[in-house]
Amino acid sequence: MNKNRIFDLQDYGYHDAGSDHGDLIPVRIIELHRERYKVICPFGERPATPTGTFYHETASREDFPAVGDFVLIHYNEQGESGIVQVLPRQSKFSRTDFSGRGSYAKTVYEQVVATNFDYVFIMVSLNRDFSPNRISRYLTASWQSGGMPIVALTKADLLDDFSDALEMTTEVAKFVPVVVISTVTGCGIEKLDEYLKPGKAVVFLGSSGVGKSSLLNYLAKRNVMQTSKVRESDNRGRHTTTHRQTSVERTMYSAPAAYTTSASVGSMHSTVIAGPMK
């Protein structure tokens, strides 16, 4: 395929560059809107949709492409490319999807919301919403996903002394890195640098209002995600980031881009960033 390549997919986490896929090319899903996708490929961003054969041969909903998946496509320079195959996933977050109405005849599906991430940033705010039990649940979900958890205690600017919360967190999160950060002052964010490397992907996992979108905006030096204030009554936020759409954004680093997505996993809300952030 004689075309000018502008992206190296290895910068977006693809580690199977030596494989021969014939006329098919590997790409990464960066956006999902209903059953239409946007992918990042060596030639830029392109629209894509599963082929008729893919629909016919795919047995279950969880086998359909999700944000973060690497897939093989028939590349179409003039229009939508055809998604032919989903490559094996290294990690994933999924949620239960109940099909049907009422209390009977429901079918339970697994809905995959994010895949192929390396790290899970468990984000917990240092306000009245702080909960070691919640951190423990997030740790369990993180290990089950296949990603490596890192606990980020956010909004450090709200407290003069967070030593008690830090001690409780390290007691729960044994052998897991714990960092204290603030997107207002920039405190501690440099400690995340070692995880934001080319070819690595990160999931932000936490309740609404803990600062997932704020951290992403801070890293990108622009408003990639909409944010909202937390409620004064309980320090909980509204789930502002509800779309399944992702966006490729230039960052402050010397890297091509990062992609983002947001989704709910049970009572947890996750945001994914990928592509080289460093």
C-alpha atoms as a PDB file:
ATOM      1  CA  MET A   1       0.000   0.000   0.000  1.00  0.00           C
ATOM      2  CA  ASN A   2       1.887   3.007  -1.273  1.00  0.00           C
ATOM      3  CA  LYS A   3       0.659   5.886   0.885  1.00  0.00           C
ATOM      4  CA  ASN A   4       2.227   8.481   3.106  1.00  0.00           C
ATOM      5  CA  ARG A   5       2.218   7.252   6.676  1.00  0.00           C
ATOM      6  CA  ILE A   6       1.722   9.927   9.316  1.00  0.00           C
ATOM      7  CA  PHE A   7       1.212   7.801  12.452  1.00  0.00           C
ATOM      8  CA  ASP A   8       3.164   4.906  13.944  1.00  0.00           C
ATOM      9  CA  LEU A   9       0.629   2.559  15.485  1.00  0.00           C
ATOM     10  CA  GLN A  10       3.245   1.293  17.922  1.00  0.00           C
ATOM     11  CA  ASP A  11       2.999   4.702  19.608  1.00  0.00           C
ATOM     12  CA  TYR A  12      -0.627   3.757  20.276  1.00  0.00           C
ATOM     13  CA  GLY A  13       0.210   0.466  21.930  1.00  0.00           C
ATOM     14  CA  TYR A  14       0.344  -1.903  18.962  1.00  0.00           C
ATOM     15  CA  HIS A  15       3.053  -4.490  19.628  1.00  0.00           C
ATOM     16  CA  ASP A  16       2.572  -6.945  16.769  1.00  0.00           C
ATOM     17  CA  ALA A  17       4.105  -4.912  13.956  1.00  0.00           C
ATOM     18  CA  GLY A  18       5.965  -7.913  12.528  1.00  0.00           C
ATOM     19  CA  SER A  19       2.826  -9.900  11.719  1.00  0.00           C
ATOM     20  CA  ASP A  20       1.727 -10.358   8.126  1.00  0.00           C
ATOM     21  CA  HIS A  21      -1.967  -9.593   7.692  1.00  0.00           C
ATOM     22  CA  GLY A  22      -1.950  -9.635   3.917  1.00  0.00           C
ATOM     23  CA  ASP A  23      -4.081  -6.841   2.451  1.00  0.00           C
ATOM     24  CA  LEU A  24      -5.562  -6.019   5.866  1.00  0.00           C
ATOM     25  CA  ILE A  25      -4.052  -3.312   8.062  1.00  0.00           C
ATOM     26  CA  PRO A  26      -4.176  -3.067  11.867  1.00  0.00           C
ATOM     27  CA  VAL A  27      -5.790   0.023  13.400  1.00  0.00           C
ATOM     28  CA  ARG A  28      -7.017   1.108  16.830  1.00  0.00           C
ATOM     29  CA  ILE A  29     -10.601   2.046  17.682  1.00  0.00           C
ATOM     30  CA  ILE A  30     -10.694   5.592  19.085  1.00  0.00           C
ATOM     31  CA  GLU A  31     -14.394   6.409  18.763  1.00  0.00           C
ATOM     32  CA  LEU A  32     -17.710   4.587  18.904  1.00  0.00           C
ATOM     33  CA  HIS A  33     -21.046   6.081  17.913  1.00  0.00           C
ATOM     34  CA  ARG A  34     -23.801   3.488  17.701  1.00  0.00           C
ATOM     35  CA  GLU A  35     -22.345   0.943  15.269  1.00  0.00           C
ATOM     36  CA  ARG A  36     -19.972   3.311  13.504  1.00  0.00           C
ATOM     37  CA  TYR A  37     -16.377   3.707  14.523  1.00  0.00           C
ATOM     38  CA  LYS A  38     -13.452   6.030  14.084  1.00  0.00           C
ATOM     39  CA  VAL A  39     -10.035   4.426  13.959  1.00  0.00           C
ATOM     40  CA  ILE A  40      -6.458   5.645  14.068  1.00  0.00           C
ATOM     41  CA  CYS A  41      -4.305   4.073  11.377  1.00  0.00           C
ATOM     42  CA  PRO A  42      -0.918   4.827   9.831  1.00  0.00           C
ATOM     43  CA  PHE A  43      -2.636   7.298   7.475  1.00  0.00           C
ATOM     44  CA  GLY A  44      -4.602   9.243  10.091  1.00  0.00           C
ATOM     45  CA  GLU A  45      -8.145   9.035  11.442  1.00  0.00           C
ATOM     46  CA  ARG A  46     -10.667   7.144   9.334  1.00  0.00           C
ATOM     47  CA  PRO A  47     -14.321   6.038   9.633  1.00  0.00           C
ATOM     48  CA  ALA A  48     -14.944   2.310   9.806  1.00  0.00           C
ATOM     49  CA  THR A  49     -17.792  -0.142  10.284  1.00  0.00           C
ATOM     50  CA  PRO A  50     -17.932  -3.938  10.665  1.00  0.00           C
ATOM     51  CA  THR A  51     -18.389  -5.838   7.424  1.00  0.00           C
ATOM     52  CA  GLY A  52     -21.441  -7.988   6.751  1.00  0.00           C
ATOM     53  CA  THR A  53     -19.317 -11.102   7.169  1.00  0.00           C
ATOM     54  CA  PHE A  54     -18.141  -9.865  10.569  1.00  0.00           C
ATOM     55  CA  TYR A  55     -21.756  -9.411  11.711  1.00  0.00           C
ATOM     56  CA  HIS A  56     -22.659 -12.867  10.437  1.00  0.00           C
ATOM     57  CA  GLU A  57     -19.733 -14.670  12.049  1.00  0.00           C
ATOM     58  CA  THR A  58     -19.636 -12.854  15.407  1.00  0.00           C
ATOM     59  CA  ALA A  59     -21.489 -14.892  18.009  1.00  0.00           C
ATOM     60  CA  SER A  60     -21.784 -12.547  20.997  1.00  0.00           C
ATOM     61  CA  ARG A  61     -22.036  -8.849  21.752  1.00  0.00           C
ATOM     62  CA  GLU A  62     -18.797  -8.755  23.739  1.00  0.00           C
ATOM     63  CA  ASP A  63     -16.909  -9.831  20.610  1.00  0.00           C
ATOM     64  CA  PHE A  64     -17.825  -6.618  18.788  1.00  0.00           C
ATOM     65  CA  PRO A  65     -15.213  -3.844  18.644  1.00  0.00           C
ATOM     66  CA  ALA A  66     -14.909  -1.526  21.651  1.00  0.00           C
ATOM     67  CA  VAL A  67     -12.922   1.633  22.244  1.00  0.00           C
ATOM     68  CA  GLY A  68      -9.267   0.672  22.589  1.00  0.00           C
ATOM     69  CA  ASP A  69      -9.504  -2.463  20.452  1.00  0.00           C
ATOM     70  CA  PHE A  70      -6.974  -3.228  17.762  1.00  0.00           C
ATOM     71  CA  VAL A  71      -8.782  -4.470  14.670  1.00  0.00           C
ATOM     72  CA  LEU A  72      -7.950  -5.446  11.117  1.00  0.00           C
ATOM     73  CA  ILE A  73      -9.630  -3.499   8.332  1.00  0.00           C
ATOM     74  CA  HIS A  74     -10.010  -3.464   4.593  1.00  0.00           C
ATOM     75  CA  TYR A  75      -8.691   0.063   4.086  1.00  0.00           C
ATOM     76  CA  ASN A  76     -10.855   2.367   1.973  1.00  0.00           C
ATOM     77  CA  GLU A  77      -9.224   5.680   1.146  1.00  0.00           C
ATOM     78  CA  GLN A  78     -12.443   7.186  -0.202  1.00  0.00           C
ATOM     79  CA  GLY A  79     -14.941   6.196   2.489  1.00  0.00           C
ATOM     80  CA  GLU A  80     -15.633   3.821   5.374  1.00  0.00           C
ATOM     81  CA  SER A  81     -13.172   1.007   5.865  1.00  0.00           C
ATOM     82  CA  GLY A  82     -14.489  -2.459   6.717  1.00  0.00           C
ATOM     83  CA  ILE A  83     -13.689  -3.990  10.105  1.00  0.00           C
ATOM     84  CA  VAL A  84     -12.880  -7.646   9.518  1.00  0.00           C
ATOM     85  CA  GLN A  85     -11.431  -8.939  12.790  1.00  0.00           C
ATOM     86  CA  VAL A  86     -10.903  -7.902  16.419  1.00  0.00           C
ATOM     87  CA  LEU A  87      -7.401  -8.780  17.590  1.00  0.00           C
ATOM     88  CA  PRO A  88      -6.904 -10.433  21.019  1.00  0.00           C
ATOM     89  CA  ARG A  89      -7.437  -8.091  23.981  1.00  0.00           C
ATOM     90  CA  GLN A  90      -4.808  -7.702  26.669  1.00  0.00           C
ATOM     91  CA  SER A  91      -7.164  -6.087  29.186  1.00  0.00           C
ATOM     92  CA  LYS A  92     -10.751  -4.886  29.362  1.00  0.00           C
ATOM     93  CA  PHE A  93     -13.457  -3.265  31.441  1.00  0.00           C
ATOM     94  CA  SER A  94     -16.992  -4.440  30.869  1.00  0.00           C
ATOM     95  CA  ARG A  95     -20.407  -4.005  32.410  1.00  0.00           C
ATOM     96  CA  THR A  96     -23.573  -6.071  32.576  1.00  0.00           C
ATOM     97  CA  ASP A  97     -26.216  -5.124  30.034  1.00  0.00           C
ATOM     98  CA  PHE A  98     -29.770  -6.394  30.581  1.00  0.00           C
ATOM     99  CA  SER A  99     -31.847  -6.806  27.432  1.00  0.00           C
ATOM    100  CA  GLY A 100     -35.620  -6.684  27.730  1.00  0.00           C
ATOM    101  CA  ARG A 101     -38.240  -4.985  29.879  1.00  0.00           C
ATOM    102  CA  GLY A 102     -39.917  -5.763  33.146  1.00  0.00           C
ATOM    103  CA  SER A 103     -38.745  -8.353  35.634  1.00  0.00           C
ATOM    104  CA  TYR A 104     -38.891 -11.330  33.298  1.00  0.00           C
ATOM    105  CA  ALA A 105     -37.397 -12.692  30.083  1.00  0.00           C
ATOM    106  CA  LYS A 106     -34.242 -10.630  30.400  1.00  0.00           C
ATOM    107  CA  THR A 107     -31.059 -11.642  28.653  1.00  0.00           C
ATOM    108  CA  VAL A 108     -27.782 -10.722  30.320  1.00  0.00           C
ATOM    109  CA  TYR A 109     -24.992  -9.536  28.053  1.00  0.00           C
ATOM    110  CA  GLU A 110     -21.449  -8.423  28.668  1.00  0.00           C
ATOM    111  CA  GLN A 111     -20.856  -4.965  27.228  1.00  0.00           C
ATOM    112  CA  VAL A 112     -17.165  -4.178  26.789  1.00  0.00           C
ATOM    113  CA  VAL A 113     -16.508  -0.463  27.297  1.00  0.00           C
ATOM    114  CA  ALA A 114     -12.708  -0.158  27.138  1.00  0.00           C
ATOM    115  CA  THR A 115      -9.846  -2.450  26.175  1.00  0.00           C
ATOM    116  CA  ASN A 116      -6.078  -2.791  25.866  1.00  0.00           C
ATOM    117  CA  PHE A 117      -4.978  -0.452  28.634  1.00  0.00           C
ATOM    118  CA  ASP A 118      -1.821  -0.892  30.668  1.00  0.00           C
ATOM    119  CA  TYR A 119      -2.583   1.066  33.845  1.00  0.00           C
ATOM    120  CA  VAL A 120      -5.676   1.862  35.894  1.00  0.00           C
ATOM    121  CA  PHE A 121      -5.555   5.167  37.765  1.00  0.00           C
ATOM    122  CA  ILE A 122      -7.928   4.651  40.704  1.00  0.00           C
ATOM    123  CA  MET A 123      -8.994   8.193  41.506  1.00  0.00           C
ATOM    124  CA  VAL A 124     -10.452   9.035  44.936  1.00  0.00           C
ATOM    125  CA  SER A 125     -11.097  12.558  46.150  1.00  0.00           C
ATOM    126  CA  LEU A 126      -9.697  13.804  49.467  1.00  0.00           C
ATOM    127  CA  ASN A 127     -13.051  15.221  50.577  1.00  0.00           C
ATOM    128  CA  ARG A 128     -16.061  13.772  52.363  1.00  0.00           C
ATOM    129  CA  ASP A 129     -16.430  11.230  49.561  1.00  0.00           C
ATOM    130  CA  PHE A 130     -13.142   9.541  50.552  1.00  0.00           C
ATOM    131  CA  SER A 131     -13.712   5.831  51.246  1.00  0.00           C
ATOM    132  CA  PRO A 132     -11.100   3.092  51.806  1.00  0.00           C
ATOM    133  CA  ASN A 133     -13.806   0.496  51.097  1.00  0.00           C
ATOM    134  CA  ARG A 134     -14.381   2.023  47.689  1.00  0.00           C
ATOM    135  CA  ILE A 135     -10.661   1.933  46.983  1.00  0.00           C
ATOM    136  CA  SER A 136     -10.673  -1.762  47.853  1.00  0.00           C
ATOM    137  CA  ARG A 137     -13.524  -2.431  45.385  1.00  0.00           C
ATOM    138  CA  TYR A 138     -11.747  -0.481  42.666  1.00  0.00           C
ATOM    139  CA  LEU A 139      -8.562  -2.448  43.288  1.00  0.00           C
ATOM    140  CA  THR A 140     -10.439  -5.715  42.816  1.00  0.00           C
ATOM    141  CA  ALA A 141     -11.986  -4.461  39.569  1.00  0.00           C
ATOM    142  CA  SER A 142      -8.599  -3.236  38.356  1.00  0.00           C
ATOM    143  CA  TRP A 143      -6.802  -6.526  38.954  1.00  0.00           C
ATOM    144  CA  GLN A 144      -9.640  -8.402  37.264  1.00  0.00           C
ATOM    145  CA  SER A 145      -9.430  -6.112  34.229  1.00  0.00           C
ATOM    146  CA  GLY A 146      -5.831  -7.044  33.477  1.00  0.00           C
ATOM    147  CA  GLY A 147      -4.450  -3.538  34.075  1.00  0.00           C
ATOM    148  CA  MET A 148      -1.984  -2.442  36.756  1.00  0.00           C
ATOM    149  CA  PRO A 149      -3.619  -0.225  39.415  1.00  0.00           C
ATOM    150  CA  ILE A 150      -2.195   3.058  40.681  1.00  0.00           C
ATOM    151  CA  VAL A 151      -4.153   4.960  43.344  1.00  0.00           C
ATOM    152  CA  ALA A 152      -4.372   8.728  42.845  1.00  0.00           C
ATOM    153  CA  LEU A 153      -5.782  10.729  45.759  1.00  0.00           C
ATOM    154  CA  THR A 154      -7.150  13.876  44.130  1.00  0.00           C
ATOM    155  CA  LYS A 155      -7.962  17.419  45.250  1.00  0.00           C
ATOM    156  CA  ALA A 156      -5.049  17.638  47.659  1.00  0.00           C
ATOM    157  CA  ASP A 157      -5.505  21.425  47.629  1.00  0.00           C
ATOM    158  CA  LEU A 158      -8.660  20.997  49.772  1.00  0.00           C
ATOM    159  CA  LEU A 159      -6.729  19.748  52.816  1.00  0.00           C
ATOM    160  CA  ASP A 160      -3.876  21.135  54.860  1.00  0.00           C
ATOM    161  CA  ASP A 161      -3.113  17.662  56.200  1.00  0.00           C
ATOM    162  CA  PHE A 162      -3.974  14.495  54.250  1.00  0.00           C
ATOM    163  CA  SER A 163      -1.660  12.171  56.185  1.00  0.00           C
ATOM    164  CA  ASP A 164      -4.544  10.171  57.731  1.00  0.00           C
ATOM    165  CA  ALA A 165      -6.155   9.521  54.364  1.00  0.00           C
ATOM    166  CA  LEU A 166      -2.803   8.582  52.866  1.00  0.00           C
ATOM    167  CA  GLU A 167      -2.121   6.134  55.694  1.00  0.00           C
ATOM    168  CA  MET A 168      -5.552   4.488  55.301  1.00  0.00           C
ATOM    169  CA  THR A 169      -5.031   4.231  51.551  1.00  0.00           C
ATOM    170  CA  THR A 170      -1.612   2.617  51.786  1.00  0.00           C
ATOM    171  CA  GLU A 171      -3.018   0.126  54.282  1.00  0.00           C
ATOM    172  CA  VAL A 172      -5.721  -0.926  51.808  1.00  0.00           C
ATOM    173  CA  ALA A 173      -3.590  -0.668  48.678  1.00  0.00           C
ATOM    174  CA  LYS A 174      -0.641  -2.790  49.765  1.00  0.00           C
ATOM    175  CA  PHE A 175       2.104  -3.091  47.129  1.00  0.00           C
ATOM    176  CA  VAL A 176       0.244  -0.601  44.896  1.00  0.00           C
ATOM    177  CA  PRO A 177       1.692   2.863  44.113  1.00  0.00           C
ATOM    178  CA  VAL A 178      -0.230   5.708  45.795  1.00  0.00           C
ATOM    179  CA  VAL A 179       0.167   9.340  44.733  1.00  0.00           C
ATOM    180  CA  VAL A 180      -1.463  12.514  46.040  1.00  0.00           C
ATOM    181  CA  ILE A 181      -2.309  15.077  43.347  1.00  0.00           C
ATOM    182  CA  SER A 182      -4.061  18.363  42.687  1.00  0.00           C
ATOM    183  CA  THR A 183      -4.952  19.775  39.278  1.00  0.00           C
ATOM    184  CA  VAL A 184      -5.353  23.196  40.928  1.00  0.00           C
ATOM    185  CA  THR A 185      -1.791  23.460  42.238  1.00  0.00           C
ATOM    186  CA  GLY A 186      -0.113  20.780  40.099  1.00  0.00           C
ATOM    187  CA  CYS A 187       0.960  18.956  43.267  1.00  0.00           C
ATOM    188  CA  GLY A 188       2.170  15.392  42.673  1.00  0.00           C
ATOM    189  CA  ILE A 189       1.163  15.115  39.023  1.00  0.00           C
ATOM    190  CA  GLU A 190       4.786  14.682  37.951  1.00  0.00           C
ATOM    191  CA  LYS A 191       4.708  11.350  39.794  1.00  0.00           C
ATOM    192  CA  LEU A 192       2.362  10.052  37.086  1.00  0.00           C
ATOM    193  CA  ASP A 193       4.948  10.697  34.366  1.00  0.00           C
ATOM    194  CA  GLU A 194       6.451   7.215  34.528  1.00  0.00           C
ATOM    195  CA  TYR A 195       3.109   5.715  33.457  1.00  0.00           C
ATOM    196  CA  LEU A 196       2.339   8.193  30.648  1.00  0.00           C
ATOM    197  CA  LYS A 197       4.718   6.833  28.069  1.00  0.00           C
ATOM    198  CA  PRO A 198       4.496   6.247  24.312  1.00  0.00           C
ATOM    199  CA  GLY A 199       2.652   3.045  23.550  1.00  0.00           C
ATOM    200  CA  LYS A 200       0.922   2.911  26.936  1.00  0.00           C
ATOM    201  CA  ALA A 201      -2.776   3.344  27.695  1.00  0.00           C
ATOM    202  CA  VAL A 202      -4.368   4.408  30.968  1.00  0.00           C
ATOM    203  CA  VAL A 203      -7.863   4.086  32.433  1.00  0.00           C
ATOM    204  CA  PHE A 204      -9.097   6.667  34.948  1.00  0.00           C
ATOM    205  CA  LEU A 205     -11.464   4.885  37.333  1.00  0.00           C
ATOM    206  CA  GLY A 206     -13.504   6.622  40.017  1.00  0.00           C
ATOM    207  CA  SER A 207     -16.823   8.070  41.114  1.00  0.00           C
ATOM    208  CA  SER A 208     -18.344  11.141  39.499  1.00  0.00           C
ATOM    209  CA  GLY A 209     -16.711  14.365  40.597  1.00  0.00           C
ATOM    210  CA  VAL A 210     -13.329  12.976  41.695  1.00  0.00           C
ATOM    211  CA  GLY A 211     -11.472  14.831  38.960  1.00  0.00           C
ATOM    212  CA  LYS A 212     -10.979  12.385  36.078  1.00  0.00           C
ATOM    213  CA  SER A 213     -11.837  14.937  33.414  1.00  0.00           C
ATOM    214  CA  SER A 214      -9.920  17.663  35.262  1.00  0.00           C
ATOM    215  CA  LEU A 215      -6.757  15.547  35.261  1.00  0.00           C
ATOM    216  CA  LEU A 216      -7.108  14.796  31.575  1.00  0.00           C
ATOM    217  CA  ASN A 217      -7.614  18.496  30.828  1.00  0.00           C
ATOM    218  CA  TYR A 218      -4.550  19.333  32.930  1.00  0.00           C
ATOM    219  CA  LEU A 219      -2.393  16.826  31.054  1.00  0.00           C
ATOM    220  CA  ALA A 220      -3.651  17.998  27.669  1.00  0.00           C
ATOM    221  CA  LYS A 221      -3.350  21.708  28.551  1.00  0.00           C
ATOM    222  CA  ARG A 222      -6.834  22.248  27.141  1.00  0.00           C
ATOM    223  CA  ASN A 223     -10.478  21.399  27.843  1.00  0.00           C
ATOM    224  CA  VAL A 224     -10.687  17.940  26.335  1.00  0.00           C
ATOM    225  CA  MET A 225     -13.505  16.921  28.691  1.00  0.00           C
ATOM    226  CA  GLN A 226     -16.347  18.925  30.209  1.00  0.00           C
ATOM    227  CA  THR A 227     -16.257  19.293  33.994  1.00  0.00           C
ATOM    228  CA  SER A 228     -18.835  20.300  36.601  1.00  0.00           C
ATOM    229  CA  LYS A 229     -18.770  21.324  40.257  1.00  0.00           C
ATOM    230  CA  VAL A 230     -19.465  18.823  43.020  1.00  0.00           C
ATOM    231  CA  ARG A 231     -22.565  19.145  45.204  1.00  0.00           C
ATOM    232  CA  GLU A 232     -21.910  20.906  48.491  1.00  0.00           C
ATOM    233  CA  SER A 233     -24.286  18.561  50.343  1.00  0.00           C
ATOM    234  CA  ASP A 234     -22.257  15.392  49.821  1.00  0.00           C
ATOM    235  CA  ASN A 235     -19.178  16.356  47.784  1.00  0.00           C
ATOM    236  CA  ARG A 236     -20.389  14.115  44.955  1.00  0.00           C
ATOM    237  CA  GLY A 237     -20.274  15.192  41.353  1.00  0.00           C
ATOM    238  CA  ARG A 238     -22.658  14.802  38.473  1.00  0.00           C
ATOM    239  CA  HIS A 239     -21.583  12.290  35.831  1.00  0.00           C
ATOM    240  CA  THR A 240     -20.671  14.982  33.314  1.00  0.00           C
ATOM    241  CA  THR A 241     -18.735  12.796  30.877  1.00  0.00           C
ATOM    242  CA  THR A 242     -21.390  10.463  29.554  1.00  0.00           C
ATOM    243  CA  HIS A 243     -20.566  10.060  25.873  1.00  0.00           C
ATOM    244  CA  ARG A 244     -19.017   7.022  24.249  1.00  0.00           C
ATOM    245  CA  GLN A 245     -17.259   9.255  21.761  1.00  0.00           C
ATOM    246  CA  THR A 246     -13.534   9.770  21.895  1.00  0.00           C
ATOM    247  CA  SER A 247     -11.344  12.547  20.601  1.00  0.00           C
ATOM    248  CA  VAL A 248      -7.773  12.665  19.402  1.00  0.00           C
ATOM    249  CA  GLU A 249      -6.050  15.613  21.038  1.00  0.00           C
ATOM    250  CA  ARG A 250      -2.643  17.193  20.709  1.00  0.00           C
ATOM    251  CA  THR A 251      -0.973  17.274  24.094  1.00  0.00           C
ATOM    252  CA  MET A 252       1.668  19.380  25.783  1.00  0.00           C
ATOM    253  CA  TYR A 253       4.151  16.583  25.228  1.00  0.00           C
ATOM    254  CA  SER A 254       6.168  15.807  22.129  1.00  0.00           C
ATOM    255  CA  ALA A 255       3.767  13.032  21.219  1.00  0.00           C
ATOM    256  CA  PRO A 256       1.358  12.708  18.303  1.00  0.00           C
ATOM    257  CA  ALA A 257      -1.846  12.460  20.292  1.00  0.00           C
ATOM    258  CA  ALA A 258      -3.929  10.824  22.964  1.00  0.00           C
ATOM    259  CA  TYR A 259      -7.429   9.444  22.793  1.00  0.00           C
ATOM    260  CA  THR A 260     -10.094   9.595  25.453  1.00  0.00           C
ATOM    261  CA  THR A 261     -13.361   7.912  26.185  1.00  0.00           C
ATOM    262  CA  SER A 262     -15.733   7.672  29.111  1.00  0.00           C
ATOM    263  CA  ALA A 263     -18.115   4.991  30.292  1.00  0.00           C
ATOM    264  CA  SER A 264     -19.769   3.628  33.415  1.00  0.00           C
ATOM    265  CA  VAL A 265     -18.868   0.262  34.900  1.00  0.00           C
ATOM    266  CA  GLY A 266     -21.501  -0.514  37.492  1.00  0.00           C
ATOM    267  CA  SER A 267     -21.326   2.348  39.989  1.00  0.00           C
ATOM    268  CA  MET A 268     -17.871   3.310  38.733  1.00  0.00           C
ATOM    269  CA  HIS A 269     -17.111   5.704  35.902  1.00  0.00           C
ATOM    270  CA  SER A 270     -14.020   5.230  33.799  1.00  0.00           C
ATOM    271  CA  THR A 271     -12.125   7.474  31.427  1.00  0.00           C
ATOM    272  CA  VAL A 272      -9.481   6.071  29.121  1.00  0.00           C
ATOM    273  CA  ILE A 273      -6.455   7.814  27.645  1.00  0.00           C
ATOM    274  CA  ALA A 274      -4.110   6.215  25.199  1.00  0.00           C
ATOM    275  CA  GLY A 275      -1.518   7.076  22.660  1.00  0.00           C
ATOM    276  CA  PRO A 276       1.766   8.578  23.737  1.00  0.00           C
ATOM    277  CA  MET A 277       1.350  11.129  26.501  1.00  0.00           C
ATOM    278  CA  LYS A 278       5.099  11.529  26.944  1.00  0.00           C
END
